[in-house]
Amino acid sequence: MLATRPVRKKRWFNYAFWFILPAFVLYSAFVIAPTASAVWLSFTSWDGISDDIRYIGFSNFIEIWHSTRVHNALKNTLLITIALVVLENVLAIILAMLVDKVRWFRNIFRSVFYFPVLMSGIVMGFIWVIILNYNFGVVNQFLDKIGLSAWKMDWLGDPKMALISIIFSTVWKAAGYYMVIYLAGIQGIPQELTEAASIDGANGWQQFRYITFPLLASAMTVCVMLSMIGSLKIFDQIAVMTDGGPGFATETLTYIIYKVGFGELRQGFGTALAIVLFLITLIFSLIQIKVLRKREVQY
């Protein structure tokens, strides 16, 4: 009996190997190999077209370290990330609480709040370009109607407002997605806890602060992580709404990677920027997981 166990174990490993092999081959071809190629290209001056690929060492990374344009893009990326992570999650929790409490037309409200998520970033960008247009946009026309014409501005042409406009439109699009996750978390909280707190005299805010919010920690870990990663690689909205402008006011790391790699034909430098963005995302993700996991409560 004991002699047959190693044989069965070996046979099981053989079966597992052949099942895993196709997926591993595809993963190697489409993930591992391109990643290794990108690391190599980040040390070259390749233009993306010619066969001339010259090794230049750490020159691309040194240029990144000293480039004011990259520094500005990094600052914009971090500002957008912080703003989106906070605003998207706060709004998503509020929407989830409202949808959970509403008695009539609950499914309609869920659909309305989730609808923007179904649109692509390109479509959403074009919609907000029209809404924020200086001459015929809804926002400026509304300000005219209520007698606040002095508040009219070129929302996407003003360097101070362009980044805020992108943040606002992105929150509008993404909050519904995180609302669904928070709503699932809220509905998973045992009803007995809130009923007991209500009997003890806790008001709505106290119930949220001491029961609902702590028990949403696992959902918050997922939402904050997804929101952060999505914010760090934001591209569609900027490409459509501002093209990185006015000037370089709304350029982010992902957008400058695209502009440098395909517009200026500096694939080596663009790839080095992509490596830097990957490392930033990895570091932030590890820190967030470590911090947010400590808040999670088992019940």
C-alpha atoms as a PDB file:
ATOM      1  CA  MET A   1       0.000   0.000   0.000  1.00  0.00           C
ATOM      2  CA  LEU A   2       2.817   2.387   0.952  1.00  0.00           C
ATOM      3  CA  ALA A   3       4.690   1.576  -2.237  1.00  0.00           C
ATOM      4  CA  THR A   4       1.804   2.714  -4.412  1.00  0.00           C
ATOM      5  CA  ARG A   5       1.617   6.227  -2.894  1.00  0.00           C
ATOM      6  CA  PRO A   6       4.798   7.601  -4.575  1.00  0.00           C
ATOM      7  CA  VAL A   7       3.593   6.141  -7.866  1.00  0.00           C
ATOM      8  CA  ARG A   8       0.189   7.802  -7.551  1.00  0.00           C
ATOM      9  CA  LYS A   9       1.802  11.068  -6.517  1.00  0.00           C
ATOM     10  CA  LYS A  10       4.155  10.975  -9.506  1.00  0.00           C
ATOM     11  CA  ARG A  11       1.263  10.176 -11.833  1.00  0.00           C
ATOM     12  CA  TRP A  12      -0.749  13.093 -10.415  1.00  0.00           C
ATOM     13  CA  PHE A  13       2.190  15.468 -11.007  1.00  0.00           C
ATOM     14  CA  ASN A  14       2.448  14.230 -14.582  1.00  0.00           C
ATOM     15  CA  TYR A  15      -1.228  14.950 -15.195  1.00  0.00           C
ATOM     16  CA  ALA A  16      -0.935  18.374 -13.524  1.00  0.00           C
ATOM     17  CA  PHE A  17       2.097  19.236 -15.651  1.00  0.00           C
ATOM     18  CA  TRP A  18       0.269  18.577 -18.917  1.00  0.00           C
ATOM     19  CA  PHE A  19      -2.774  20.547 -17.772  1.00  0.00           C
ATOM     20  CA  ILE A  20      -0.648  23.531 -16.725  1.00  0.00           C
ATOM     21  CA  LEU A  21       1.669  23.475 -19.765  1.00  0.00           C
ATOM     22  CA  PRO A  22      -0.699  25.155 -22.326  1.00  0.00           C
ATOM     23  CA  ALA A  23      -1.533  28.024 -19.957  1.00  0.00           C
ATOM     24  CA  PHE A  24       2.127  28.424 -19.002  1.00  0.00           C
ATOM     25  CA  VAL A  25       3.190  28.554 -22.665  1.00  0.00           C
ATOM     26  CA  LEU A  26       0.605  31.252 -23.421  1.00  0.00           C
ATOM     27  CA  TYR A  27       1.510  33.195 -20.267  1.00  0.00           C
ATOM     28  CA  SER A  28       5.188  33.017 -21.171  1.00  0.00           C
ATOM     29  CA  ALA A  29       4.542  34.149 -24.744  1.00  0.00           C
ATOM     30  CA  PHE A  30       2.248  37.064 -23.909  1.00  0.00           C
ATOM     31  CA  VAL A  31       3.474  38.190 -20.452  1.00  0.00           C
ATOM     32  CA  ILE A  32       6.916  36.923 -19.447  1.00  0.00           C
ATOM     33  CA  ALA A  33       8.614  37.341 -22.830  1.00  0.00           C
ATOM     34  CA  PRO A  34       7.241  40.879 -23.493  1.00  0.00           C
ATOM     35  CA  THR A  35       8.159  41.921 -19.946  1.00  0.00           C
ATOM     36  CA  ALA A  36      11.724  40.686 -20.383  1.00  0.00           C
ATOM     37  CA  SER A  37      11.879  42.398 -23.780  1.00  0.00           C
ATOM     38  CA  ALA A  38      10.623  45.650 -22.245  1.00  0.00           C
ATOM     39  CA  VAL A  39      13.307  45.545 -19.562  1.00  0.00           C
ATOM     40  CA  TRP A  40      15.950  45.101 -22.273  1.00  0.00           C
ATOM     41  CA  LEU A  41      14.541  47.893 -24.454  1.00  0.00           C
ATOM     42  CA  SER A  42      14.561  50.302 -21.512  1.00  0.00           C
ATOM     43  CA  PHE A  43      18.363  50.234 -21.705  1.00  0.00           C
ATOM     44  CA  THR A  44      18.432  51.087 -25.434  1.00  0.00           C
ATOM     45  CA  SER A  45      17.844  54.095 -27.691  1.00  0.00           C
ATOM     46  CA  TRP A  46      15.478  52.231 -30.044  1.00  0.00           C
ATOM     47  CA  ASP A  47      13.088  54.428 -32.030  1.00  0.00           C
ATOM     48  CA  GLY A  48      10.463  51.722 -32.458  1.00  0.00           C
ATOM     49  CA  ILE A  49      10.913  51.384 -36.244  1.00  0.00           C
ATOM     50  CA  SER A  50      14.501  50.806 -37.333  1.00  0.00           C
ATOM     51  CA  ASP A  51      16.608  47.713 -36.743  1.00  0.00           C
ATOM     52  CA  ASP A  52      19.244  49.826 -35.020  1.00  0.00           C
ATOM     53  CA  ILE A  53      18.950  49.021 -31.316  1.00  0.00           C
ATOM     54  CA  ARG A  54      21.858  50.549 -29.415  1.00  0.00           C
ATOM     55  CA  TYR A  55      22.533  49.723 -25.781  1.00  0.00           C
ATOM     56  CA  ILE A  56      22.952  52.952 -23.780  1.00  0.00           C
ATOM     57  CA  GLY A  57      22.925  51.631 -20.209  1.00  0.00           C
ATOM     58  CA  PHE A  58      21.073  53.700 -17.615  1.00  0.00           C
ATOM     59  CA  SER A  59      20.899  56.843 -19.787  1.00  0.00           C
ATOM     60  CA  ASN A  60      17.102  56.669 -20.111  1.00  0.00           C
ATOM     61  CA  PHE A  61      16.634  56.358 -16.365  1.00  0.00           C
ATOM     62  CA  ILE A  62      19.081  59.205 -15.714  1.00  0.00           C
ATOM     63  CA  GLU A  63      17.110  61.387 -18.125  1.00  0.00           C
ATOM     64  CA  ILE A  64      13.878  60.426 -16.347  1.00  0.00           C
ATOM     65  CA  TRP A  65      15.428  61.448 -13.033  1.00  0.00           C
ATOM     66  CA  HIS A  66      16.347  64.919 -14.341  1.00  0.00           C
ATOM     67  CA  SER A  67      13.406  65.576 -16.710  1.00  0.00           C
ATOM     68  CA  THR A  68      11.089  68.372 -15.539  1.00  0.00           C
ATOM     69  CA  ARG A  69       8.416  67.102 -17.945  1.00  0.00           C
ATOM     70  CA  VAL A  70       8.463  63.684 -16.288  1.00  0.00           C
ATOM     71  CA  HIS A  71       8.422  65.303 -12.850  1.00  0.00           C
ATOM     72  CA  ASN A  72       5.328  67.285 -13.856  1.00  0.00           C
ATOM     73  CA  ALA A  73       3.662  64.124 -15.218  1.00  0.00           C
ATOM     74  CA  LEU A  74       4.498  62.266 -11.992  1.00  0.00           C
ATOM     75  CA  LYS A  75       3.017  65.096  -9.922  1.00  0.00           C
ATOM     76  CA  ASN A  76      -0.181  65.066 -12.006  1.00  0.00           C
ATOM     77  CA  THR A  77      -0.389  61.277 -11.742  1.00  0.00           C
ATOM     78  CA  LEU A  78      -0.082  61.342  -7.964  1.00  0.00           C
ATOM     79  CA  LEU A  79      -2.621  64.186  -7.626  1.00  0.00           C
ATOM     80  CA  ILE A  80      -5.120  62.351  -9.835  1.00  0.00           C
ATOM     81  CA  THR A  81      -4.534  59.085  -7.983  1.00  0.00           C
ATOM     82  CA  ILE A  82      -5.038  60.570  -4.515  1.00  0.00           C
ATOM     83  CA  ALA A  83      -8.131  62.511  -5.586  1.00  0.00           C
ATOM     84  CA  LEU A  84      -9.736  59.595  -7.434  1.00  0.00           C
ATOM     85  CA  VAL A  85      -9.063  57.014  -4.719  1.00  0.00           C
ATOM     86  CA  VAL A  86     -10.655  59.272  -2.084  1.00  0.00           C
ATOM     87  CA  LEU A  87     -13.567  60.661  -4.112  1.00  0.00           C
ATOM     88  CA  GLU A  88     -14.504  57.450  -5.910  1.00  0.00           C
ATOM     89  CA  ASN A  89     -14.624  55.426  -2.712  1.00  0.00           C
ATOM     90  CA  VAL A  90     -16.419  58.072  -0.646  1.00  0.00           C
ATOM     91  CA  LEU A  91     -19.059  58.584  -3.350  1.00  0.00           C
ATOM     92  CA  ALA A  92     -19.375  54.823  -3.909  1.00  0.00           C
ATOM     93  CA  ILE A  93     -20.047  54.209  -0.201  1.00  0.00           C
ATOM     94  CA  ILE A  94     -22.643  56.998  -0.134  1.00  0.00           C
ATOM     95  CA  LEU A  95     -24.393  55.617  -3.222  1.00  0.00           C
ATOM     96  CA  ALA A  96     -24.305  52.070  -1.815  1.00  0.00           C
ATOM     97  CA  MET A  97     -25.865  53.252   1.447  1.00  0.00           C
ATOM     98  CA  LEU A  98     -28.581  55.147  -0.420  1.00  0.00           C
ATOM     99  CA  VAL A  99     -29.397  52.264  -2.743  1.00  0.00           C
ATOM    100  CA  ASP A 100     -29.485  49.846   0.183  1.00  0.00           C
ATOM    101  CA  LYS A 101     -31.938  52.020   2.117  1.00  0.00           C
ATOM    102  CA  VAL A 102     -34.276  52.978  -0.713  1.00  0.00           C
ATOM    103  CA  ARG A 103     -37.552  51.049  -0.821  1.00  0.00           C
ATOM    104  CA  TRP A 104     -39.038  52.052  -4.155  1.00  0.00           C
ATOM    105  CA  PHE A 105     -37.427  51.647  -7.613  1.00  0.00           C
ATOM    106  CA  ARG A 106     -34.269  50.134  -6.114  1.00  0.00           C
ATOM    107  CA  ASN A 107     -33.233  48.382  -9.333  1.00  0.00           C
ATOM    108  CA  ILE A 108     -33.776  51.566 -11.349  1.00  0.00           C
ATOM    109  CA  PHE A 109     -31.448  53.530  -9.061  1.00  0.00           C
ATOM    110  CA  ARG A 110     -28.830  50.802  -9.284  1.00  0.00           C
ATOM    111  CA  SER A 111     -29.010  50.865 -13.073  1.00  0.00           C
ATOM    112  CA  VAL A 112     -28.794  54.652 -13.256  1.00  0.00           C
ATOM    113  CA  PHE A 113     -25.737  54.827 -10.982  1.00  0.00           C
ATOM    114  CA  TYR A 114     -24.041  51.918 -12.766  1.00  0.00           C
ATOM    115  CA  PHE A 115     -24.781  53.079 -16.326  1.00  0.00           C
ATOM    116  CA  PRO A 116     -21.658  55.328 -16.700  1.00  0.00           C
ATOM    117  CA  VAL A 117     -19.453  52.305 -15.966  1.00  0.00           C
ATOM    118  CA  LEU A 118     -20.685  50.627 -19.157  1.00  0.00           C
ATOM    119  CA  MET A 119     -19.299  53.399 -21.351  1.00  0.00           C
ATOM    120  CA  SER A 120     -15.718  53.291 -22.570  1.00  0.00           C
ATOM    121  CA  GLY A 121     -13.313  55.988 -21.475  1.00  0.00           C
ATOM    122  CA  ILE A 122     -13.253  57.358 -25.031  1.00  0.00           C
ATOM    123  CA  VAL A 123     -17.042  57.774 -25.192  1.00  0.00           C
ATOM    124  CA  MET A 124     -17.143  59.268 -21.712  1.00  0.00           C
ATOM    125  CA  GLY A 125     -14.402  61.718 -22.695  1.00  0.00           C
ATOM    126  CA  PHE A 126     -16.294  62.935 -25.770  1.00  0.00           C
ATOM    127  CA  ILE A 127     -19.472  63.389 -23.698  1.00  0.00           C
ATOM    128  CA  TRP A 128     -17.688  65.560 -21.143  1.00  0.00           C
ATOM    129  CA  VAL A 129     -15.904  67.561 -23.845  1.00  0.00           C
ATOM    130  CA  ILE A 130     -19.359  68.554 -25.100  1.00  0.00           C
ATOM    131  CA  ILE A 131     -20.726  69.192 -21.595  1.00  0.00           C
ATOM    132  CA  LEU A 132     -17.764  71.415 -20.640  1.00  0.00           C
ATOM    133  CA  ASN A 133     -17.466  73.261 -23.947  1.00  0.00           C
ATOM    134  CA  TYR A 134     -17.105  77.003 -23.384  1.00  0.00           C
ATOM    135  CA  ASN A 135     -19.545  78.139 -26.089  1.00  0.00           C
ATOM    136  CA  PHE A 136     -22.369  75.579 -26.061  1.00  0.00           C
ATOM    137  CA  GLY A 137     -21.593  73.310 -23.118  1.00  0.00           C
ATOM    138  CA  VAL A 138     -24.336  72.477 -20.624  1.00  0.00           C
ATOM    139  CA  VAL A 139     -22.354  73.763 -17.633  1.00  0.00           C
ATOM    140  CA  ASN A 140     -21.747  77.256 -19.018  1.00  0.00           C
ATOM    141  CA  GLN A 141     -25.284  77.518 -20.416  1.00  0.00           C
ATOM    142  CA  PHE A 142     -26.664  76.592 -16.993  1.00  0.00           C
ATOM    143  CA  LEU A 143     -24.535  79.296 -15.369  1.00  0.00           C
ATOM    144  CA  ASP A 144     -25.937  81.777 -17.891  1.00  0.00           C
ATOM    145  CA  LYS A 145     -29.512  80.759 -17.077  1.00  0.00           C
ATOM    146  CA  ILE A 146     -29.121  81.266 -13.327  1.00  0.00           C
ATOM    147  CA  GLY A 147     -27.330  84.587 -13.674  1.00  0.00           C
ATOM    148  CA  LEU A 148     -23.800  83.424 -12.887  1.00  0.00           C
ATOM    149  CA  SER A 149     -22.205  84.274 -16.225  1.00  0.00           C
ATOM    150  CA  ALA A 150     -19.131  85.567 -14.393  1.00  0.00           C
ATOM    151  CA  TRP A 151     -18.386  81.985 -13.357  1.00  0.00           C
ATOM    152  CA  LYS A 152     -18.205  80.750 -16.931  1.00  0.00           C
ATOM    153  CA  MET A 153     -14.805  79.463 -17.951  1.00  0.00           C
ATOM    154  CA  ASP A 154     -13.005  77.226 -20.402  1.00  0.00           C
ATOM    155  CA  TRP A 155     -13.061  74.195 -18.147  1.00  0.00           C
ATOM    156  CA  LEU A 156     -10.677  72.136 -20.289  1.00  0.00           C
ATOM    157  CA  GLY A 157      -8.580  75.049 -21.562  1.00  0.00           C
ATOM    158  CA  ASP A 158      -7.721  76.554 -18.197  1.00  0.00           C
ATOM    159  CA  PRO A 159      -4.580  74.918 -16.728  1.00  0.00           C
ATOM    160  CA  LYS A 160      -6.020  75.240 -13.211  1.00  0.00           C
ATOM    161  CA  MET A 161      -9.385  73.646 -14.042  1.00  0.00           C
ATOM    162  CA  ALA A 162      -8.461  71.044 -16.668  1.00  0.00           C
ATOM    163  CA  LEU A 163      -7.109  68.527 -14.155  1.00  0.00           C
ATOM    164  CA  ILE A 164     -10.101  69.070 -11.849  1.00  0.00           C
ATOM    165  CA  SER A 165     -12.480  68.525 -14.771  1.00  0.00           C
ATOM    166  CA  ILE A 166     -10.792  65.229 -15.638  1.00  0.00           C
ATOM    167  CA  ILE A 167     -10.953  64.094 -12.016  1.00  0.00           C
ATOM    168  CA  PHE A 168     -14.638  65.014 -11.731  1.00  0.00           C
ATOM    169  CA  SER A 169     -15.624  63.227 -14.956  1.00  0.00           C
ATOM    170  CA  THR A 170     -13.647  60.113 -14.010  1.00  0.00           C
ATOM    171  CA  VAL A 171     -15.336  59.957 -10.593  1.00  0.00           C
ATOM    172  CA  TRP A 172     -18.711  60.193 -12.359  1.00  0.00           C
ATOM    173  CA  LYS A 173     -17.788  57.229 -14.537  1.00  0.00           C
ATOM    174  CA  ALA A 174     -16.164  54.917 -12.000  1.00  0.00           C
ATOM    175  CA  ALA A 175     -18.108  55.417  -8.753  1.00  0.00           C
ATOM    176  CA  GLY A 176     -20.946  53.114  -9.841  1.00  0.00           C
ATOM    177  CA  TYR A 177     -18.549  50.191 -10.253  1.00  0.00           C
ATOM    178  CA  TYR A 178     -17.265  50.454  -6.703  1.00  0.00           C
ATOM    179  CA  MET A 179     -20.820  51.078  -5.474  1.00  0.00           C
ATOM    180  CA  VAL A 180     -21.734  47.531  -6.499  1.00  0.00           C
ATOM    181  CA  ILE A 181     -18.845  46.084  -4.468  1.00  0.00           C
ATOM    182  CA  TYR A 182     -19.696  48.154  -1.398  1.00  0.00           C
ATOM    183  CA  LEU A 183     -23.374  47.302  -1.769  1.00  0.00           C
ATOM    184  CA  ALA A 184     -22.518  43.593  -1.687  1.00  0.00           C
ATOM    185  CA  GLY A 185     -20.461  44.227   1.451  1.00  0.00           C
ATOM    186  CA  ILE A 186     -23.284  46.146   3.139  1.00  0.00           C
ATOM    187  CA  GLN A 187     -25.828  43.458   2.362  1.00  0.00           C
ATOM    188  CA  GLY A 188     -23.452  40.842   3.772  1.00  0.00           C
ATOM    189  CA  ILE A 189     -23.396  42.492   7.210  1.00  0.00           C
ATOM    190  CA  PRO A 190     -25.580  40.533   9.681  1.00  0.00           C
ATOM    191  CA  GLN A 191     -28.828  42.402  10.318  1.00  0.00           C
ATOM    192  CA  GLU A 192     -28.671  41.424  13.982  1.00  0.00           C
ATOM    193  CA  LEU A 193     -25.734  43.776  14.570  1.00  0.00           C
ATOM    194  CA  THR A 194     -27.510  46.894  13.351  1.00  0.00           C
ATOM    195  CA  GLU A 195     -30.732  45.884  15.116  1.00  0.00           C
ATOM    196  CA  ALA A 196     -28.888  45.420  18.405  1.00  0.00           C
ATOM    197  CA  ALA A 197     -27.169  48.792  17.976  1.00  0.00           C
ATOM    198  CA  SER A 198     -30.527  50.440  17.241  1.00  0.00           C
ATOM    199  CA  ILE A 199     -32.046  48.917  20.377  1.00  0.00           C
ATOM    200  CA  ASP A 200     -29.086  50.233  22.396  1.00  0.00           C
ATOM    201  CA  GLY A 201     -29.858  53.745  21.145  1.00  0.00           C
ATOM    202  CA  ALA A 202     -27.252  54.165  18.398  1.00  0.00           C
ATOM    203  CA  ASN A 203     -28.269  56.638  15.687  1.00  0.00           C
ATOM    204  CA  GLY A 204     -27.599  56.197  11.970  1.00  0.00           C
ATOM    205  CA  TRP A 205     -24.163  57.825  12.029  1.00  0.00           C
ATOM    206  CA  GLN A 206     -23.040  55.748  15.016  1.00  0.00           C
ATOM    207  CA  GLN A 207     -24.236  52.556  13.349  1.00  0.00           C
ATOM    208  CA  PHE A 208     -22.262  53.435  10.232  1.00  0.00           C
ATOM    209  CA  ARG A 209     -19.132  54.454  12.144  1.00  0.00           C
ATOM    210  CA  TYR A 210     -18.913  51.519  14.548  1.00  0.00           C
ATOM    211  CA  ILE A 211     -20.575  48.705  12.559  1.00  0.00           C
ATOM    212  CA  THR A 212     -20.951  49.291   8.837  1.00  0.00           C
ATOM    213  CA  PHE A 213     -17.652  51.043   8.115  1.00  0.00           C
ATOM    214  CA  PRO A 214     -15.397  48.570   9.996  1.00  0.00           C
ATOM    215  CA  LEU A 215     -17.162  45.598   8.402  1.00  0.00           C
ATOM    216  CA  LEU A 216     -16.662  47.110   4.927  1.00  0.00           C
ATOM    217  CA  ALA A 217     -12.893  46.881   5.342  1.00  0.00           C
ATOM    218  CA  SER A 218     -12.499  43.855   3.039  1.00  0.00           C
ATOM    219  CA  ALA A 219     -14.588  45.515   0.318  1.00  0.00           C
ATOM    220  CA  MET A 220     -12.596  48.713   0.805  1.00  0.00           C
ATOM    221  CA  THR A 221      -9.312  46.838   0.316  1.00  0.00           C
ATOM    222  CA  VAL A 222     -10.508  45.641  -3.084  1.00  0.00           C
ATOM    223  CA  CYS A 223     -12.006  48.991  -4.139  1.00  0.00           C
ATOM    224  CA  VAL A 224      -9.052  51.116  -3.049  1.00  0.00           C
ATOM    225  CA  MET A 225      -6.638  48.770  -4.787  1.00  0.00           C
ATOM    226  CA  LEU A 226      -8.591  48.765  -8.061  1.00  0.00           C
ATOM    227  CA  SER A 227      -9.120  52.519  -7.881  1.00  0.00           C
ATOM    228  CA  MET A 228      -5.438  53.194  -7.281  1.00  0.00           C
ATOM    229  CA  ILE A 229      -4.241  50.979 -10.129  1.00  0.00           C
ATOM    230  CA  GLY A 230      -6.808  52.447 -12.514  1.00  0.00           C
ATOM    231  CA  SER A 231      -5.846  55.999 -11.521  1.00  0.00           C
ATOM    232  CA  LEU A 232      -2.124  55.429 -11.978  1.00  0.00           C
ATOM    233  CA  LYS A 233      -2.659  54.252 -15.552  1.00  0.00           C
ATOM    234  CA  ILE A 234      -5.386  56.741 -16.564  1.00  0.00           C
ATOM    235  CA  PHE A 235      -5.138  57.471 -20.274  1.00  0.00           C
ATOM    236  CA  ASP A 236      -8.396  57.487 -22.278  1.00  0.00           C
ATOM    237  CA  GLN A 237      -9.954  60.529 -20.634  1.00  0.00           C
ATOM    238  CA  ILE A 238      -6.815  62.634 -21.001  1.00  0.00           C
ATOM    239  CA  ALA A 239      -6.272  61.613 -24.625  1.00  0.00           C
ATOM    240  CA  VAL A 240      -9.794  62.668 -25.587  1.00  0.00           C
ATOM    241  CA  MET A 241     -10.492  65.617 -23.291  1.00  0.00           C
ATOM    242  CA  THR A 242      -7.222  67.583 -23.179  1.00  0.00           C
ATOM    243  CA  ASP A 243      -4.517  65.747 -25.161  1.00  0.00           C
ATOM    244  CA  GLY A 244      -2.247  66.385 -22.197  1.00  0.00           C
ATOM    245  CA  GLY A 245      -2.821  70.132 -22.369  1.00  0.00           C
ATOM    246  CA  PRO A 246      -3.132  72.971 -22.062  1.00  0.00           C
ATOM    247  CA  GLY A 247       0.618  72.839 -22.417  1.00  0.00           C
ATOM    248  CA  PHE A 248       1.654  69.943 -20.198  1.00  0.00           C
ATOM    249  CA  ALA A 249      -0.884  70.697 -17.460  1.00  0.00           C
ATOM    250  CA  THR A 250      -2.667  67.330 -17.603  1.00  0.00           C
ATOM    251  CA  GLU A 251       0.072  65.000 -18.783  1.00  0.00           C
ATOM    252  CA  THR A 252       0.375  61.824 -16.718  1.00  0.00           C
ATOM    253  CA  LEU A 253       2.961  59.059 -16.801  1.00  0.00           C
ATOM    254  CA  THR A 254       0.866  56.803 -19.026  1.00  0.00           C
ATOM    255  CA  TYR A 255       0.125  59.629 -21.436  1.00  0.00           C
ATOM    256  CA  ILE A 256       3.733  60.757 -21.643  1.00  0.00           C
ATOM    257  CA  ILE A 257       4.735  57.124 -22.303  1.00  0.00           C
ATOM    258  CA  TYR A 258       2.385  57.140 -25.281  1.00  0.00           C
ATOM    259  CA  LYS A 259       3.510  60.564 -26.547  1.00  0.00           C
ATOM    260  CA  VAL A 260       7.207  59.817 -26.206  1.00  0.00           C
ATOM    261  CA  GLY A 261       7.056  56.250 -27.502  1.00  0.00           C
ATOM    262  CA  PHE A 262       4.766  56.735 -30.499  1.00  0.00           C
ATOM    263  CA  GLY A 263       4.738  60.494 -31.105  1.00  0.00           C
ATOM    264  CA  GLU A 264       8.435  61.221 -30.649  1.00  0.00           C
ATOM    265  CA  LEU A 265       9.628  57.739 -31.713  1.00  0.00           C
ATOM    266  CA  ARG A 266      11.607  57.114 -28.535  1.00  0.00           C
ATOM    267  CA  GLN A 267      10.512  53.618 -27.647  1.00  0.00           C
ATOM    268  CA  GLY A 268      13.521  53.005 -25.430  1.00  0.00           C
ATOM    269  CA  PHE A 269      12.800  56.054 -23.270  1.00  0.00           C
ATOM    270  CA  GLY A 270       9.057  55.297 -23.242  1.00  0.00           C
ATOM    271  CA  THR A 271       9.714  51.730 -22.144  1.00  0.00           C
ATOM    272  CA  ALA A 272      11.967  52.965 -19.339  1.00  0.00           C
ATOM    273  CA  LEU A 273       9.103  55.203 -18.180  1.00  0.00           C
ATOM    274  CA  ALA A 274       6.776  52.188 -18.284  1.00  0.00           C
ATOM    275  CA  ILE A 275       9.192  50.257 -16.056  1.00  0.00           C
ATOM    276  CA  VAL A 276       9.226  53.171 -13.594  1.00  0.00           C
ATOM    277  CA  LEU A 277       5.415  53.286 -13.591  1.00  0.00           C
ATOM    278  CA  PHE A 278       5.293  49.534 -12.978  1.00  0.00           C
ATOM    279  CA  LEU A 279       7.605  49.850  -9.986  1.00  0.00           C
ATOM    280  CA  ILE A 280       5.574  52.760  -8.567  1.00  0.00           C
ATOM    281  CA  THR A 281       2.348  50.765  -8.940  1.00  0.00           C
ATOM    282  CA  LEU A 282       3.933  47.695  -7.350  1.00  0.00           C
ATOM    283  CA  ILE A 283       5.261  49.634  -4.349  1.00  0.00           C
ATOM    284  CA  PHE A 284       1.970  51.451  -3.755  1.00  0.00           C
ATOM    285  CA  SER A 285       0.017  48.206  -4.089  1.00  0.00           C
ATOM    286  CA  LEU A 286       2.170  46.380  -1.537  1.00  0.00           C
ATOM    287  CA  ILE A 287       1.903  49.268   0.932  1.00  0.00           C
ATOM    288  CA  GLN A 288      -1.864  49.480   0.520  1.00  0.00           C
ATOM    289  CA  ILE A 289      -2.365  45.762   0.958  1.00  0.00           C
ATOM    290  CA  LYS A 290      -0.267  45.751   4.125  1.00  0.00           C
ATOM    291  CA  VAL A 291      -2.086  48.759   5.624  1.00  0.00           C
ATOM    292  CA  LEU A 292      -5.644  47.884   4.608  1.00  0.00           C
ATOM    293  CA  ARG A 293      -5.422  44.210   5.526  1.00  0.00           C
ATOM    294  CA  LYS A 294      -4.912  45.186   9.165  1.00  0.00           C
ATOM    295  CA  ARG A 295      -8.359  46.832   9.212  1.00  0.00           C
ATOM    296  CA  GLU A 296     -10.268  43.802   7.975  1.00  0.00           C
ATOM    297  CA  VAL A 297     -12.648  42.294  10.492  1.00  0.00           C
ATOM    298  CA  GLN A 298     -13.850  38.709  10.503  1.00  0.00           C
ATOM    299  CA  TYR A 299     -17.460  38.086  11.482  1.00  0.00           C
END
